[in-house]
């Protein structure tokens, strides 16, 4: 009888350890979901704020636009591995025109859709015609805004997963210069 009692006692200890391990995983999962939600909320707030600022700046006539540099390739960094934290973008301003042309070409299903836009717009036709002259869009320029925020990481996630006290969140906006036309 004593032996049976000892076996049952050992099993209840095993159940307690399994429960604690499962609880730890569940706690990690819930904390991670909450943390990702906080990061998304902060990112969306920053995005809305700088988008509003860039939109107001794009409508003023006294701003000078910038020409964005497009990413033409990636440098794999010191470790020689792609898709790691030390990778850096190789920027190329010439590639921006071909990217704008590609975006404009694929922004409607067919060329007839552009006629619908021209018929219903209150903009001068020349603004809609920028689709055919992407170099002119580069000449008009873009308004650039960016903001970076460091968000504190929950201590539990720091100890269990991330091993850093903060996460850096960066948002960047490029808005076409409209010069008061809208």
Protein backbone atom coordinates (compact mmCIF):
# COMPACT_ATOMS: atom_id res chain seq x y z
CA UNK A 1 0.00 0.00 0.00
CA UNK A 2 2.83 2.37 0.81
CA UNK A 3 4.44 1.70 -2.55
CA UNK A 4 1.23 2.53 -4.42
CA UNK A 5 0.91 5.76 -2.43
CA UNK A 6 4.50 6.69 -3.37
CA UNK A 7 3.83 6.07 -7.09
CA UNK A 8 0.69 8.24 -7.03
CA UNK A 9 2.57 10.96 -5.17
CA UNK A 10 5.29 10.97 -7.89
CA UNK A 11 2.66 11.27 -10.62
CA UNK A 12 1.02 14.24 -9.00
CA UNK A 13 4.42 15.96 -8.96
CA UNK A 14 4.83 15.24 -12.68
CA UNK A 15 1.38 16.69 -13.36
CA UNK A 16 2.31 19.84 -11.45
CA UNK A 17 5.50 20.28 -13.52
CA UNK A 18 3.59 19.76 -16.79
CA UNK A 19 0.96 22.27 -15.66
CA UNK A 20 3.63 24.85 -14.84
CA UNK A 21 5.38 24.32 -18.19
CA UNK A 22 2.08 24.68 -20.05
CA UNK A 23 1.20 27.78 -18.04
CA UNK A 24 4.57 29.33 -18.91
CA UNK A 25 4.00 28.74 -22.64
CA UNK A 26 0.47 30.16 -22.39
CA UNK A 27 1.73 33.22 -20.52
CA UNK A 28 4.43 33.76 -23.14
CA UNK A 29 1.87 33.50 -25.95
CA UNK A 30 -0.59 35.94 -24.34
CA UNK A 31 2.16 38.43 -23.46
CA UNK A 32 3.53 38.21 -27.03
CA UNK A 33 0.11 38.90 -28.54
CA UNK A 34 -0.36 41.92 -26.26
CA UNK A 35 3.14 43.19 -27.13
CA UNK A 36 2.57 42.86 -30.89
CA UNK A 37 -0.75 44.70 -30.49
CA UNK A 38 1.01 47.56 -28.68
CA UNK A 39 3.65 47.78 -31.42
CA UNK A 40 0.95 47.87 -34.12
CA UNK A 41 -1.01 50.58 -32.29
CA UNK A 42 2.11 52.75 -31.89
CA UNK A 43 3.11 52.21 -35.53
CA UNK A 44 -0.35 53.17 -36.83
CA UNK A 45 -0.42 56.26 -34.61
CA UNK A 46 2.97 57.43 -35.86
CA UNK A 47 1.95 56.71 -39.45
CA UNK A 48 -1.25 58.76 -39.17
CA UNK A 49 0.59 61.65 -37.55
CA UNK A 50 3.37 61.95 -40.13
CA UNK A 51 0.97 61.30 -43.02
CA UNK A 52 -1.17 64.25 -41.92
CA UNK A 53 1.93 66.44 -41.60
CA UNK A 54 3.24 65.39 -45.03
CA UNK A 55 -0.20 65.92 -46.60
CA UNK A 56 -0.40 69.48 -45.28
CA UNK A 57 3.16 70.20 -46.43
CA UNK A 58 2.45 68.77 -49.91
CA UNK A 59 -0.45 71.19 -50.38
CA UNK A 60 1.61 74.30 -49.61
CA UNK A 61 3.30 76.09 -52.47
CA UNK A 62 6.34 77.20 -50.48
CA UNK A 63 7.80 73.72 -49.92
CA UNK A 64 10.60 72.26 -51.95
CA UNK A 65 10.10 68.63 -52.83
CA UNK A 66 12.73 65.94 -52.68
CA UNK A 67 13.46 63.16 -55.11
CA UNK A 68 13.21 59.82 -53.37
CA UNK A 69 15.91 57.26 -53.90
CA UNK A 70 14.60 53.82 -54.67
CA UNK A 71 16.13 50.65 -53.28
CA UNK A 72 17.94 49.00 -56.16
CA UNK A 73 19.59 46.20 -54.16
CA UNK A 74 20.69 45.11 -50.69
CA UNK A 75 24.15 44.84 -49.20
CA UNK A 76 24.29 41.68 -47.09
CA UNK A 77 26.36 43.39 -44.38
CA UNK A 78 29.39 42.24 -42.38
CA UNK A 79 28.09 38.73 -41.76
CA UNK A 80 27.61 38.05 -45.50
CA UNK A 81 24.11 36.68 -44.91
CA UNK A 82 21.00 38.13 -46.53
CA UNK A 83 17.89 39.01 -44.50
CA UNK A 84 19.72 39.74 -41.25
CA UNK A 85 19.80 42.85 -39.05
CA UNK A 86 23.03 44.25 -40.52
CA UNK A 87 21.73 44.39 -44.13
CA UNK A 88 21.69 47.85 -45.71
CA UNK A 89 19.73 49.19 -48.67
CA UNK A 90 21.61 50.34 -51.77
CA UNK A 91 19.74 53.44 -52.94
CA UNK A 92 19.51 54.66 -56.52
CA UNK A 93 17.60 57.79 -57.58
CA UNK A 94 17.49 56.70 -61.23
CA UNK A 95 15.50 53.59 -60.34
CA UNK A 96 12.75 55.77 -58.84
CA UNK A 97 11.49 56.83 -62.29
CA UNK A 98 11.10 53.26 -63.50
CA UNK A 99 9.37 52.35 -60.24
CA UNK A 100 6.94 55.28 -60.62
CA UNK A 101 6.26 54.23 -64.20
CA UNK A 102 5.60 50.66 -63.08
CA UNK A 103 3.28 51.76 -60.26
CA UNK A 104 1.35 54.06 -62.60
CA UNK A 105 1.07 51.35 -65.25
CA UNK A 106 -0.27 48.80 -62.77
CA UNK A 107 -2.57 51.12 -60.82
CA UNK A 108 -5.52 50.56 -63.17
CA UNK A 109 -6.78 47.49 -65.02
CA UNK A 110 -6.68 49.07 -68.45
CA UNK A 111 -5.78 52.40 -70.04
CA UNK A 112 -9.49 53.21 -70.45
CA UNK A 113 -9.72 53.51 -66.65
CA UNK A 114 -7.48 56.58 -66.82
CA UNK A 115 -10.13 58.28 -68.97
CA UNK A 116 -12.64 57.76 -66.13
CA UNK A 117 -10.24 59.50 -63.77
CA UNK A 118 -9.73 62.40 -66.19
CA UNK A 119 -13.49 62.85 -66.68
CA UNK A 120 -14.25 63.03 -62.94
CA UNK A 121 -11.25 64.89 -61.57
CA UNK A 122 -11.21 68.54 -60.63
CA UNK A 123 -7.46 68.67 -61.16
CA UNK A 124 -6.07 70.14 -64.33
CA UNK A 125 -5.63 67.42 -66.90
CA UNK A 126 -1.88 67.99 -66.76
CA UNK A 127 -1.79 66.60 -63.20
CA UNK A 128 -3.53 63.41 -64.29
CA UNK A 129 -1.21 63.23 -67.30
CA UNK A 130 1.77 62.76 -64.94
CA UNK A 131 1.13 59.07 -65.50
CA UNK A 132 2.58 59.46 -68.99
CA UNK A 133 5.51 61.61 -67.87
CA UNK A 134 7.00 60.12 -64.71
CA UNK A 135 10.05 62.33 -65.10
CA UNK A 136 7.80 65.33 -64.48
CA UNK A 137 6.58 63.73 -61.26
CA UNK A 138 10.21 63.47 -60.17
CA UNK A 139 10.70 67.14 -61.05
CA UNK A 140 7.72 68.19 -58.93
CA UNK A 141 9.18 66.25 -56.04
CA UNK A 142 7.90 64.52 -52.96
CA UNK A 143 7.51 65.56 -49.35
CA UNK A 144 9.33 63.27 -46.96
CA UNK A 145 8.47 62.72 -43.31
CA UNK A 146 9.75 60.09 -40.92
CA UNK A 147 9.60 59.43 -37.21
CA UNK A 148 11.23 56.84 -34.97
CA UNK A 149 9.98 55.76 -31.54
CA UNK A 150 11.63 53.41 -29.06
CA UNK A 151 9.06 51.22 -27.31
CA UNK A 152 9.85 49.47 -24.05
CA UNK A 153 9.67 45.66 -24.20
CA UNK A 154 7.80 43.86 -21.44
CA UNK A 155 10.25 42.37 -18.90
CA UNK A 156 8.81 38.87 -19.36
CA UNK A 157 9.45 38.98 -23.12
CA UNK A 158 12.90 40.47 -22.51
CA UNK A 159 13.85 37.55 -20.27
CA UNK A 160 12.26 34.79 -22.32
CA UNK A 161 12.58 35.82 -25.98
CA UNK A 162 13.93 39.16 -27.10
CA UNK A 163 16.86 39.97 -24.79
CA UNK A 164 16.64 43.73 -25.42
CA UNK A 165 14.93 46.42 -23.35
CA UNK A 166 13.48 48.35 -26.34
CA UNK A 167 12.14 47.89 -29.86
CA UNK A 168 12.66 50.67 -32.40
CA UNK A 169 9.63 51.46 -34.57
CA UNK A 170 10.20 53.66 -37.64
CA UNK A 171 7.59 55.00 -40.03
CA UNK A 172 8.39 56.87 -43.23
CA UNK A 173 6.11 58.71 -45.68
CA UNK A 174 6.72 60.07 -49.18
CA UNK A 175 3.85 62.31 -50.35
CA UNK A 176 3.74 63.79 -53.89
CA UNK A 177 4.19 67.56 -54.00
CA UNK A 178 0.88 69.06 -55.14
CA UNK A 179 1.70 72.77 -54.76
CA UNK A 180 -1.82 73.77 -53.72
CA UNK A 181 -3.58 71.74 -56.43
CA UNK A 182 -6.10 69.22 -55.21
